[in-house]
Amino acid sequence: MREVLKTSKMIFIIAMGFLTCLFINLPQSYASEKPVWIEAEGASYMSEIDTPKEVMERAKRDAQSKAVEKAVGVFIKSHTLVSNSQLAEDLVYASVRGKIQKIEIIKEGWDEKDRNLYKAKLRALDLYILKKGFKS
């Protein structure tokens, strides 16, 4: 009888540990049904050929991309080719798939120290994954 109780307790502990690990590793969009606000910062440098408007838009897009990365995660794929015991090619591909429903700009402007750097800080609402699977 004692061994049956020990086995039952062991199975219960293993199952609870598995479920805990499963829920801890879920992205925020899977973990809750409520919309979640995510804050993110983006930045962009202005070169000689860029207009200020282009730099501002790039900084905002960078912040939006970082917000989606925080909310749903990033898919990473790599490919390495070795020829004659030497590295011939090493490619890393990162992809983010998600959608932002609403954006609020918290702060944006040119950096005080580096006048060629434009920063944007925003809050993004209701991020979700467009497709749960990624094709390789």
Protein backbone atom coordinates (compact mmCIF):
# COMPACT_ATOMS: atom_id res chain seq x y z
CA MET A 1 0.00 0.00 0.00
CA ARG A 2 2.86 2.39 0.83
CA GLU A 3 4.51 1.77 -2.53
CA VAL A 4 1.25 2.55 -4.34
CA LEU A 5 1.04 5.89 -2.48
CA LYS A 6 4.70 6.65 -3.24
CA THR A 7 4.15 5.87 -6.93
CA SER A 8 1.00 8.02 -7.03
CA LYS A 9 2.82 10.91 -5.37
CA MET A 10 5.74 10.55 -7.77
CA ILE A 11 3.44 10.61 -10.81
CA PHE A 12 1.59 13.64 -9.41
CA ILE A 13 4.86 15.53 -8.78
CA ILE A 14 6.18 14.74 -12.27
CA ALA A 15 2.88 15.81 -13.88
CA MET A 16 2.79 19.07 -11.92
CA GLY A 17 6.41 19.79 -12.82
CA PHE A 18 5.68 19.19 -16.50
CA LEU A 19 2.61 21.45 -16.46
CA THR A 20 4.52 24.18 -14.61
CA CYS A 21 7.32 24.11 -17.19
CA LEU A 22 4.78 24.15 -20.01
CA PHE A 23 2.94 27.23 -18.74
CA ILE A 24 6.08 29.15 -17.78
CA ASN A 25 7.48 28.83 -21.31
CA LEU A 26 4.32 29.97 -23.11
CA PRO A 27 4.42 33.39 -24.77
CA GLN A 28 2.16 36.03 -23.23
CA SER A 29 -0.34 35.80 -26.09
CA TYR A 30 -0.99 32.12 -25.31
CA ALA A 31 -0.92 32.54 -21.54
CA SER A 32 -3.83 34.98 -21.27
CA GLU A 33 -6.94 35.92 -23.19
CA LYS A 34 -6.80 39.54 -22.00
CA PRO A 35 -5.10 42.13 -24.19
CA VAL A 36 -1.66 43.00 -22.86
CA TRP A 37 0.21 46.28 -23.23
CA ILE A 38 3.86 45.82 -24.19
CA GLU A 39 6.38 48.66 -23.99
CA ALA A 40 9.29 48.74 -26.43
CA GLU A 41 11.95 51.17 -27.62
CA GLY A 42 13.27 51.57 -31.14
CA ALA A 43 16.08 53.63 -32.61
CA SER A 44 17.42 54.65 -36.00
CA TYR A 45 20.50 56.55 -37.18
CA MET A 46 20.34 59.22 -39.85
CA SER A 47 22.92 58.97 -42.61
CA GLU A 48 23.77 61.51 -45.27
CA ILE A 49 21.17 60.17 -47.70
CA ASP A 50 18.26 59.75 -45.23
CA THR A 51 15.52 62.28 -44.66
CA PRO A 52 14.40 62.96 -41.07
CA LYS A 53 10.96 61.51 -41.88
CA GLU A 54 12.50 58.18 -43.03
CA VAL A 55 14.58 57.97 -39.85
CA MET A 56 11.52 58.62 -37.66
CA GLU A 57 9.52 55.91 -39.42
CA ARG A 58 12.38 53.41 -39.12
CA ALA A 59 12.64 54.04 -35.37
CA LYS A 60 8.89 53.48 -34.93
CA ARG A 61 9.00 50.27 -37.01
CA ASP A 62 11.95 49.08 -34.91
CA ALA A 63 9.97 49.67 -31.70
CA GLN A 64 6.94 47.84 -33.14
CA SER A 65 9.09 44.89 -34.14
CA LYS A 66 10.62 44.71 -30.67
CA ALA A 67 7.15 44.81 -29.10
CA VAL A 68 6.04 41.82 -31.19
CA GLU A 69 9.27 40.00 -30.29
CA LYS A 70 8.54 40.53 -26.58
CA ALA A 71 4.95 39.37 -26.92
CA VAL A 72 5.17 36.30 -29.17
CA GLY A 73 8.87 35.43 -29.36
CA VAL A 74 11.28 34.97 -32.24
CA PHE A 75 11.71 31.98 -34.55
CA ILE A 76 15.41 31.25 -35.18
CA LYS A 77 16.72 29.00 -37.94
CA SER A 78 20.34 28.42 -38.80
CA HIS A 79 22.24 26.70 -41.59
CA THR A 80 25.93 25.84 -41.48
CA LEU A 81 27.95 24.46 -44.39
CA VAL A 82 31.36 22.93 -43.78
CA SER A 83 33.67 22.08 -46.67
CA ASN A 84 37.10 20.47 -46.29
CA SER A 85 36.90 20.84 -42.49
CA GLN A 86 36.43 24.60 -42.81
CA LEU A 87 33.40 26.77 -42.32
CA ALA A 88 32.15 27.70 -45.79
CA GLU A 89 28.80 29.27 -44.96
CA ASP A 90 26.93 30.14 -41.78
CA LEU A 91 23.44 31.65 -42.07
CA VAL A 92 21.11 32.64 -39.25
CA TYR A 93 17.49 33.58 -39.99
CA ALA A 94 15.29 35.29 -37.39
CA SER A 95 11.57 35.80 -37.97
CA VAL A 96 8.75 37.39 -35.99
CA ARG A 97 5.10 36.99 -36.89
CA GLY A 98 2.42 38.92 -35.09
CA LYS A 99 0.00 41.80 -35.32
CA ILE A 100 -0.44 44.94 -33.25
CA GLN A 101 -3.99 46.26 -32.86
CA LYS A 102 -3.24 49.62 -31.23
CA ILE A 103 -0.15 51.77 -30.69
CA GLU A 104 0.45 54.64 -28.29
CA ILE A 105 3.62 56.68 -28.66
CA ILE A 106 5.05 57.33 -25.20
CA LYS A 107 8.10 59.34 -26.17
CA GLU A 108 9.95 60.11 -29.37
CA GLY A 109 12.64 62.51 -30.43
CA TRP A 110 16.25 63.10 -31.37
CA ASP A 111 18.86 61.98 -28.86
CA GLU A 112 20.52 64.80 -26.92
CA LYS A 113 24.02 63.30 -27.05
CA ASP A 114 23.98 61.98 -30.63
CA ARG A 115 21.97 64.29 -32.87
CA ASN A 116 21.85 61.68 -35.67
CA LEU A 117 20.01 59.15 -33.46
CA TYR A 118 16.22 59.18 -33.31
CA LYS A 119 14.50 57.19 -30.54
CA ALA A 120 10.89 56.12 -30.20
CA LYS A 121 9.24 54.48 -27.19
CA LEU A 122 5.74 53.06 -27.58
CA ARG A 123 3.10 50.86 -26.04
CA ALA A 124 1.48 48.20 -28.20
CA LEU A 125 -1.85 46.55 -27.44
CA ASP A 126 -3.34 43.20 -28.37
CA LEU A 127 -0.43 41.38 -29.96
CA TYR A 128 -1.14 37.92 -31.27
CA ILE A 129 0.47 35.32 -33.47
CA LEU A 130 -0.75 35.28 -37.08
CA LYS A 131 0.29 31.69 -37.66
CA LYS A 132 1.19 29.28 -34.89
CA GLY A 133 3.64 27.32 -37.02
CA PHE A 134 6.59 28.51 -39.04
CA LYS A 135 7.58 26.88 -42.30
CA SER A 136 11.21 26.01 -42.58
